[in-house]
């Protein structure tokens, strides 16, 4: 299940929500102030598998998975 980041329009809190691809997120509320319909944020993609995608696709050579990854090709 994907994790989506949302930002509250009222208090500015950024929070994550596990959400099915088929769900629109219309019922999501800020966990701090309860404001409805926070803004979905664009977040970066992360791959922790072997031969990750980091350096082969224009991203930096490091990842949040604990080190540098090569493109895994060649």
PDB file of N, CA and C in Angstrom:
ATOM      1  N   UNK A   1       0.855  -1.173   0.000  1.00  0.00           N
ATOM      2  CA  UNK A   1       0.000   0.000   0.000  1.00  0.00           C
ATOM      3  C   UNK A   1       0.902   1.236   0.000  1.00  0.00           C
ATOM      4  N   UNK A   2       0.683   2.164  -0.915  1.00  0.00           N
ATOM      5  CA  UNK A   2       1.522   3.359  -0.997  1.00  0.00           C
ATOM      6  C   UNK A   2       1.337   4.293   0.199  1.00  0.00           C
ATOM      7  N   UNK A   3       2.380   5.065   0.466  1.00  0.00           N
ATOM      8  CA  UNK A   3       2.338   6.096   1.501  1.00  0.00           C
ATOM      9  C   UNK A   3       2.277   7.442   0.790  1.00  0.00           C
ATOM     10  N   UNK A   4       1.318   8.259   1.164  1.00  0.00           N
ATOM     11  CA  UNK A   4       1.179   9.587   0.580  1.00  0.00           C
ATOM     12  C   UNK A   4       1.446  10.641   1.645  1.00  0.00           C
ATOM     13  N   UNK A   5       2.050  11.748   1.247  1.00  0.00           N
ATOM     14  CA  UNK A   5       2.274  12.876   2.142  1.00  0.00           C
ATOM     15  C   UNK A   5       1.197  13.920   1.898  1.00  0.00           C
ATOM     16  N   UNK A   6       0.693  14.469   2.975  1.00  0.00           N
ATOM     17  CA  UNK A   6      -0.298  15.541   2.909  1.00  0.00           C
ATOM     18  C   UNK A   6       0.186  16.703   3.759  1.00  0.00           C
ATOM     19  N   UNK A   7      -0.270  17.911   3.413  1.00  0.00           N
ATOM     20  CA  UNK A   7       0.030  19.099   4.190  1.00  0.00           C
ATOM     21  C   UNK A   7      -1.274  19.815   4.519  1.00  0.00           C
ATOM     22  N   UNK A   8      -1.445  20.134   5.782  1.00  0.00           N
ATOM     23  CA  UNK A   8      -2.645  20.843   6.224  1.00  0.00           C
ATOM     24  C   UNK A   8      -2.588  22.291   5.763  1.00  0.00           C
ATOM     25  N   UNK A   9      -3.696  22.764   5.190  1.00  0.00           N
ATOM     26  CA  UNK A   9      -3.770  24.143   4.711  1.00  0.00           C
ATOM     27  C   UNK A   9      -3.865  25.139   5.869  1.00  0.00           C
ATOM     28  N   UNK A  10      -4.349  24.678   7.023  1.00  0.00           N
ATOM     29  CA  UNK A  10      -4.557  25.585   8.147  1.00  0.00           C
ATOM     30  C   UNK A  10      -3.320  25.694   9.050  1.00  0.00           C
ATOM     31  N   UNK A  11      -2.808  24.555   9.537  1.00  0.00           N
ATOM     32  CA  UNK A  11      -1.712  24.602  10.508  1.00  0.00           C
ATOM     33  C   UNK A  11      -0.346  24.280   9.914  1.00  0.00           C
ATOM     34  N   UNK A  12      -0.307  23.791   8.665  1.00  0.00           N
ATOM     35  CA  UNK A  12       0.957  23.507   8.007  1.00  0.00           C
ATOM     36  C   UNK A  12       1.578  22.158   8.342  1.00  0.00           C
ATOM     37  N   UNK A  13       0.911  21.352   9.153  1.00  0.00           N
ATOM     38  CA  UNK A  13       1.432  20.035   9.526  1.00  0.00           C
ATOM     39  C   UNK A  13       1.564  19.149   8.289  1.00  0.00           C
ATOM     40  N   UNK A  14       2.723  18.489   8.157  1.00  0.00           N
ATOM     41  CA  UNK A  14       2.945  17.523   7.085  1.00  0.00           C
ATOM     42  C   UNK A  14       2.857  16.140   7.718  1.00  0.00           C
ATOM     43  N   UNK A  15       2.038  15.275   7.119  1.00  0.00           N
ATOM     44  CA  UNK A  15       1.852  13.943   7.675  1.00  0.00           C
ATOM     45  C   UNK A  15       1.697  12.918   6.560  1.00  0.00           C
ATOM     46  N   UNK A  16       1.913  11.656   6.915  1.00  0.00           N
ATOM     47  CA  UNK A  16       1.841  10.568   5.944  1.00  0.00           C
ATOM     48  C   UNK A  16       0.605   9.724   6.186  1.00  0.00           C
ATOM     49  N   UNK A  17       0.059   9.181   5.087  1.00  0.00           N
ATOM     50  CA  UNK A  17      -1.135   8.344   5.158  1.00  0.00           C
ATOM     51  C   UNK A  17      -0.925   7.122   4.262  1.00  0.00           C
ATOM     52  N   UNK A  18      -1.153   5.924   4.807  1.00  0.00           N
ATOM     53  CA  UNK A  18      -1.193   4.718   3.984  1.00  0.00           C
ATOM     54  C   UNK A  18      -2.537   4.714   3.283  1.00  0.00           C
ATOM     55  N   UNK A  19      -2.506   4.594   1.960  1.00  0.00           N
ATOM     56  CA  UNK A  19      -3.744   4.750   1.211  1.00  0.00           C
ATOM     57  C   UNK A  19      -3.723   3.858  -0.028  1.00  0.00           C
ATOM     58  N   UNK A  20      -4.798   3.156  -0.285  1.00  0.00           N
ATOM     59  CA  UNK A  20      -4.901   2.346  -1.491  1.00  0.00           C
ATOM     60  C   UNK A  20      -4.906   3.235  -2.725  1.00  0.00           C
ATOM     61  N   UNK A  21      -4.419   2.693  -3.833  1.00  0.00           N
ATOM     62  CA  UNK A  21      -4.399   3.448  -5.080  1.00  0.00           C
ATOM     63  C   UNK A  21      -5.799   3.874  -5.506  1.00  0.00           C
ATOM     64  N   UNK A  22      -6.799   3.068  -5.181  1.00  0.00           N
ATOM     65  CA  UNK A  22      -8.171   3.358  -5.585  1.00  0.00           C
ATOM     66  C   UNK A  22      -8.842   4.427  -4.718  1.00  0.00           C
ATOM     67  N   UNK A  23      -8.238   4.773  -3.574  1.00  0.00           N
ATOM     68  CA  UNK A  23      -8.824   5.775  -2.684  1.00  0.00           C
ATOM     69  C   UNK A  23      -8.412   7.180  -3.112  1.00  0.00           C
ATOM     70  N   UNK A  24      -9.345   8.109  -3.021  1.00  0.00           N
ATOM     71  CA  UNK A  24      -9.069   9.490  -3.407  1.00  0.00           C
ATOM     72  C   UNK A  24      -8.554  10.340  -2.256  1.00  0.00           C
ATOM     73  N   UNK A  25      -8.845   9.962  -1.043  1.00  0.00           N
ATOM     74  CA  UNK A  25      -8.386  10.720   0.110  1.00  0.00           C
ATOM     75  C   UNK A  25      -9.298  11.857   0.507  1.00  0.00           C
ATOM     76  N   UNK A  26     -10.543  11.824   0.055  1.00  0.00           N
ATOM     77  CA  UNK A  26     -11.498  12.894   0.361  1.00  0.00           C
ATOM     78  C   UNK A  26     -11.873  12.960   1.839  1.00  0.00           C
ATOM     79  N   UNK A  27     -11.678  11.873   2.574  1.00  0.00           N
ATOM     80  CA  UNK A  27     -12.076  11.826   3.976  1.00  0.00           C
ATOM     81  C   UNK A  27     -10.914  12.052   4.943  1.00  0.00           C
ATOM     82  N   UNK A  28      -9.760  12.447   4.447  1.00  0.00           N
ATOM     83  CA  UNK A  28      -8.578  12.631   5.289  1.00  0.00           C
ATOM     84  C   UNK A  28      -8.654  13.965   6.013  1.00  0.00           C
ATOM     85  N   UNK A  29      -8.272  13.924   7.303  1.00  0.00           N
ATOM     86  CA  UNK A  29      -8.247  15.123   8.135  1.00  0.00           C
ATOM     87  C   UNK A  29      -6.864  15.265   8.754  1.00  0.00           C
ATOM     88  N   UNK A  30      -6.480  16.488   9.045  1.00  0.00           N
ATOM     89  CA  UNK A  30      -5.213  16.763   9.710  1.00  0.00           C
ATOM     90  C   UNK A  30      -5.230  16.138  11.105  1.00  0.00           C
ATOM     91  N   UNK A  31      -4.181  15.382  11.464  1.00  0.00           N
ATOM     92  CA  UNK A  31      -4.150  14.757  12.787  1.00  0.00           C
ATOM     93  C   UNK A  31      -3.923  15.747  13.925  1.00  0.00           C
ATOM     94  N   UNK A  32      -3.526  16.977  13.613  1.00  0.00           N
ATOM     95  CA  UNK A  32      -3.269  17.978  14.648  1.00  0.00           C
ATOM     96  C   UNK A  32      -4.491  18.856  14.902  1.00  0.00           C
ATOM     97  N   UNK A  33      -5.027  19.466  13.836  1.00  0.00           N
ATOM     98  CA  UNK A  33      -6.117  20.424  14.032  1.00  0.00           C
ATOM     99  C   UNK A  33      -7.465  19.947  13.498  1.00  0.00           C
ATOM    100  N   UNK A  34      -7.483  18.838  12.754  1.00  0.00           N
ATOM    101  CA  UNK A  34      -8.739  18.286  12.266  1.00  0.00           C
ATOM    102  C   UNK A  34      -9.281  18.908  10.996  1.00  0.00           C
ATOM    103  N   UNK A  35      -8.527  19.810  10.381  1.00  0.00           N
ATOM    104  CA  UNK A  35      -8.979  20.439   9.142  1.00  0.00           C
ATOM    105  C   UNK A  35      -9.122  19.390   8.048  1.00  0.00           C
ATOM    106  N   UNK A  36     -10.222  19.464   7.297  1.00  0.00           N
ATOM    107  CA  UNK A  36     -10.487  18.502   6.237  1.00  0.00           C
ATOM    108  C   UNK A  36      -9.773  18.872   4.942  1.00  0.00           C
ATOM    109  N   UNK A  37      -9.598  17.880   4.101  1.00  0.00           N
ATOM    110  CA  UNK A  37      -9.040  18.005   2.755  1.00  0.00           C
ATOM    111  C   UNK A  37      -7.664  18.690   2.720  1.00  0.00           C
ATOM    112  N   UNK A  38      -6.667  18.058   3.344  1.00  0.00           N
ATOM    113  CA  UNK A  38      -5.308  18.590   3.227  1.00  0.00           C
ATOM    114  C   UNK A  38      -4.808  18.452   1.790  1.00  0.00           C
ATOM    115  N   UNK A  39      -3.730  19.127   1.472  1.00  0.00           N
ATOM    116  CA  UNK A  39      -3.166  19.123   0.134  1.00  0.00           C
ATOM    117  C   UNK A  39      -2.196  17.953  -0.003  1.00  0.00           C
ATOM    118  N   UNK A  40      -2.379  17.139  -1.060  1.00  0.00           N
ATOM    119  CA  UNK A  40      -1.456  16.035  -1.313  1.00  0.00           C
ATOM    120  C   UNK A  40      -0.157  16.623  -1.840  1.00  0.00           C
ATOM    121  N   UNK A  41       0.960  16.205  -1.250  1.00  0.00           N
ATOM    122  CA  UNK A  41       2.275  16.711  -1.646  1.00  0.00           C
ATOM    123  C   UNK A  41       2.947  15.756  -2.614  1.00  0.00           C
ATOM    124  N   UNK A  42       3.810  16.306  -3.439  1.00  0.00           N
ATOM    125  CA  UNK A  42       4.628  15.487  -4.321  1.00  0.00           C
ATOM    126  C   UNK A  42       5.842  15.076  -3.507  1.00  0.00           C
ATOM    127  N   UNK A  43       6.061  13.775  -3.392  1.00  0.00           N
ATOM    128  CA  UNK A  43       7.212  13.300  -2.635  1.00  0.00           C
ATOM    129  C   UNK A  43       8.118  12.490  -3.541  1.00  0.00           C
ATOM    130  N   UNK A  44       9.329  12.280  -3.099  1.00  0.00           N
ATOM    131  CA  UNK A  44      10.308  11.561  -3.907  1.00  0.00           C
ATOM    132  C   UNK A  44      10.081  10.054  -3.827  1.00  0.00           C
ATOM    133  N   UNK A  45      10.539   9.356  -4.838  1.00  0.00           N
ATOM    134  CA  UNK A  45      10.443   7.910  -4.907  1.00  0.00           C
ATOM    135  C   UNK A  45      11.676   7.316  -4.267  1.00  0.00           C
ATOM    136  N   UNK A  46      11.519   6.242  -3.535  1.00  0.00           N
ATOM    137  CA  UNK A  46      12.654   5.590  -2.905  1.00  0.00           C
ATOM    138  C   UNK A  46      12.608   4.108  -3.200  1.00  0.00           C
ATOM    139  N   UNK A  47      13.758   3.549  -3.524  1.00  0.00           N
ATOM    140  CA  UNK A  47      13.857   2.119  -3.770  1.00  0.00           C
ATOM    141  C   UNK A  47      14.978   1.562  -2.924  1.00  0.00           C
ATOM    142  N   UNK A  48      14.688   0.569  -2.117  1.00  0.00           N
ATOM    143  CA  UNK A  48      15.698  -0.012  -1.243  1.00  0.00           C
ATOM    144  C   UNK A  48      16.131  -1.383  -1.726  1.00  0.00           C
ATOM    145  N   UNK A  49      15.745  -1.766  -2.912  1.00  0.00           N
ATOM    146  CA  UNK A  49      16.133  -3.063  -3.449  1.00  0.00           C
ATOM    147  C   UNK A  49      17.551  -3.036  -3.975  1.00  0.00           C
ATOM    148  N   UNK A  50      18.090  -4.203  -4.326  1.00  0.00           N
ATOM    149  CA  UNK A  50      19.436  -4.260  -4.861  1.00  0.00           C
ATOM    150  C   UNK A  50      19.473  -3.603  -6.228  1.00  0.00           C
ATOM    151  N   UNK A  51      20.550  -2.890  -6.505  1.00  0.00           N
ATOM    152  CA  UNK A  51      20.699  -2.223  -7.787  1.00  0.00           C
ATOM    153  C   UNK A  51      19.712  -1.104  -7.994  1.00  0.00           C
ATOM    154  N   UNK A  52      19.315  -0.411  -6.930  1.00  0.00           N
ATOM    155  CA  UNK A  52      18.313   0.647  -6.971  1.00  0.00           C
ATOM    156  C   UNK A  52      18.365   1.548  -8.187  1.00  0.00           C
ATOM    157  N   UNK A  53      17.495   2.501  -8.250  1.00  0.00           N
ATOM    158  CA  UNK A  53      17.359   3.361  -9.401  1.00  0.00           C
ATOM    159  C   UNK A  53      18.100   4.681  -9.251  1.00  0.00           C
ATOM    160  N   UNK A  54      18.722   4.930  -8.119  1.00  0.00           N
ATOM    161  CA  UNK A  54      19.214   6.256  -7.768  1.00  0.00           C
ATOM    162  C   UNK A  54      20.087   6.922  -8.825  1.00  0.00           C
ATOM    163  N   UNK A  55      21.243   6.379  -9.153  1.00  0.00           N
ATOM    164  CA  UNK A  55      22.160   7.121 -10.013  1.00  0.00           C
ATOM    165  C   UNK A  55      21.883   6.956 -11.496  1.00  0.00           C
ATOM    166  N   UNK A  56      21.157   5.949 -11.902  1.00  0.00           N
ATOM    167  CA  UNK A  56      20.926   5.717 -13.317  1.00  0.00           C
ATOM    168  C   UNK A  56      19.819   6.551 -13.917  1.00  0.00           C
ATOM    169  N   UNK A  57      19.106   7.311 -13.112  1.00  0.00           N
ATOM    170  CA  UNK A  57      17.953   8.040 -13.625  1.00  0.00           C
ATOM    171  C   UNK A  57      17.956   9.507 -13.238  1.00  0.00           C
ATOM    172  N   UNK A  58      19.130  10.094 -13.086  1.00  0.00           N
ATOM    173  CA  UNK A  58      19.203  11.522 -12.832  1.00  0.00           C
ATOM    174  C   UNK A  58      19.019  11.924 -11.389  1.00  0.00           C
ATOM    175  N   UNK A  59      18.996  10.969 -10.466  1.00  0.00           N
ATOM    176  CA  UNK A  59      18.881  11.288  -9.060  1.00  0.00           C
ATOM    177  C   UNK A  59      20.261  11.220  -8.433  1.00  0.00           C
ATOM    178  N   UNK A  60      20.409  11.718  -7.238  1.00  0.00           N
ATOM    179  CA  UNK A  60      21.703  11.654  -6.567  1.00  0.00           C
ATOM    180  C   UNK A  60      22.072  10.208  -6.283  1.00  0.00           C
ATOM    181  N   UNK A  61      23.342   9.955  -6.045  1.00  0.00           N
ATOM    182  CA  UNK A  61      23.826   8.593  -5.848  1.00  0.00           C
ATOM    183  C   UNK A  61      23.545   8.027  -4.484  1.00  0.00           C
ATOM    184  N   UNK A  62      22.953   8.776  -3.585  1.00  0.00           N
ATOM    185  CA  UNK A  62      22.662   8.230  -2.266  1.00  0.00           C
ATOM    186  C   UNK A  62      21.159   8.098  -2.094  1.00  0.00           C
ATOM    187  N   UNK A  63      20.789   7.279  -1.137  1.00  0.00           N
ATOM    188  CA  UNK A  63      19.373   7.092  -0.869  1.00  0.00           C
ATOM    189  C   UNK A  63      19.145   7.028   0.619  1.00  0.00           C
ATOM    190  N   UNK A  64      17.901   7.018   1.027  1.00  0.00           N
ATOM    191  CA  UNK A  64      17.578   6.911   2.441  1.00  0.00           C
ATOM    192  C   UNK A  64      17.722   5.483   2.934  1.00  0.00           C
ATOM    193  N   UNK A  65      18.155   4.587   2.070  1.00  0.00           N
ATOM    194  CA  UNK A  65      18.277   3.178   2.431  1.00  0.00           C
ATOM    195  C   UNK A  65      19.650   2.861   3.006  1.00  0.00           C
ATOM    196  N   UNK A  66      20.491   3.870   3.175  1.00  0.00           N
ATOM    197  CA  UNK A  66      21.752   3.648   3.850  1.00  0.00           C
ATOM    198  C   UNK A  66      22.942   3.498   2.937  1.00  0.00           C
ATOM    199  N   UNK A  67      23.082   4.327   1.948  1.00  0.00           N
ATOM    200  CA  UNK A  67      24.301   4.288   1.156  1.00  0.00           C
ATOM    201  C   UNK A  67      24.066   4.564  -0.304  1.00  0.00           C
ATOM    202  N   UNK A  68      25.171   4.470  -1.062  1.00  0.00           N
ATOM    203  CA  UNK A  68      25.106   4.737  -2.485  1.00  0.00           C
ATOM    204  C   UNK A  68      24.701   3.502  -3.232  1.00  0.00           C
ATOM    205  N   UNK A  69      24.023   3.703  -4.345  1.00  0.00           N
ATOM    206  CA  UNK A  69      23.594   2.606  -5.210  1.00  0.00           C
ATOM    207  C   UNK A  69      24.065   2.905  -6.611  1.00  0.00           C
ATOM    208  N   UNK A  70      24.465   1.891  -7.309  1.00  0.00           N
ATOM    209  CA  UNK A  70      24.763   2.065  -8.731  1.00  0.00           C
ATOM    210  C   UNK A  70      23.486   1.808  -9.500  1.00  0.00           C
ATOM    211  N   UNK A  71      23.523   2.076 -10.780  1.00  0.00           N
ATOM    212  CA  UNK A  71      22.314   1.919 -11.581  1.00  0.00           C
ATOM    213  C   UNK A  71      21.916   0.471 -11.745  1.00  0.00           C
ATOM    214  N   UNK A  72      22.870  -0.465 -11.560  1.00  0.00           N
ATOM    215  CA  UNK A  72      22.549  -1.877 -11.677  1.00  0.00           C
ATOM    216  C   UNK A  72      22.560  -2.386 -13.095  1.00  0.00           C
ATOM    217  N   UNK A  73      22.955  -1.536 -14.041  1.00  0.00           N
ATOM    218  CA  UNK A  73      23.000  -1.942 -15.434  1.00  0.00           C
ATOM    219  C   UNK A  73      24.447  -1.990 -15.881  1.00  0.00           C
ATOM    220  N   UNK A  74      24.779  -2.970 -16.775  1.00  0.00           N
ATOM    221  CA  UNK A  74      26.093  -3.012 -17.383  1.00  0.00           C
ATOM    222  C   UNK A  74      27.047  -3.728 -16.617  1.00  0.00           C
TER     223      UNK A  74
END
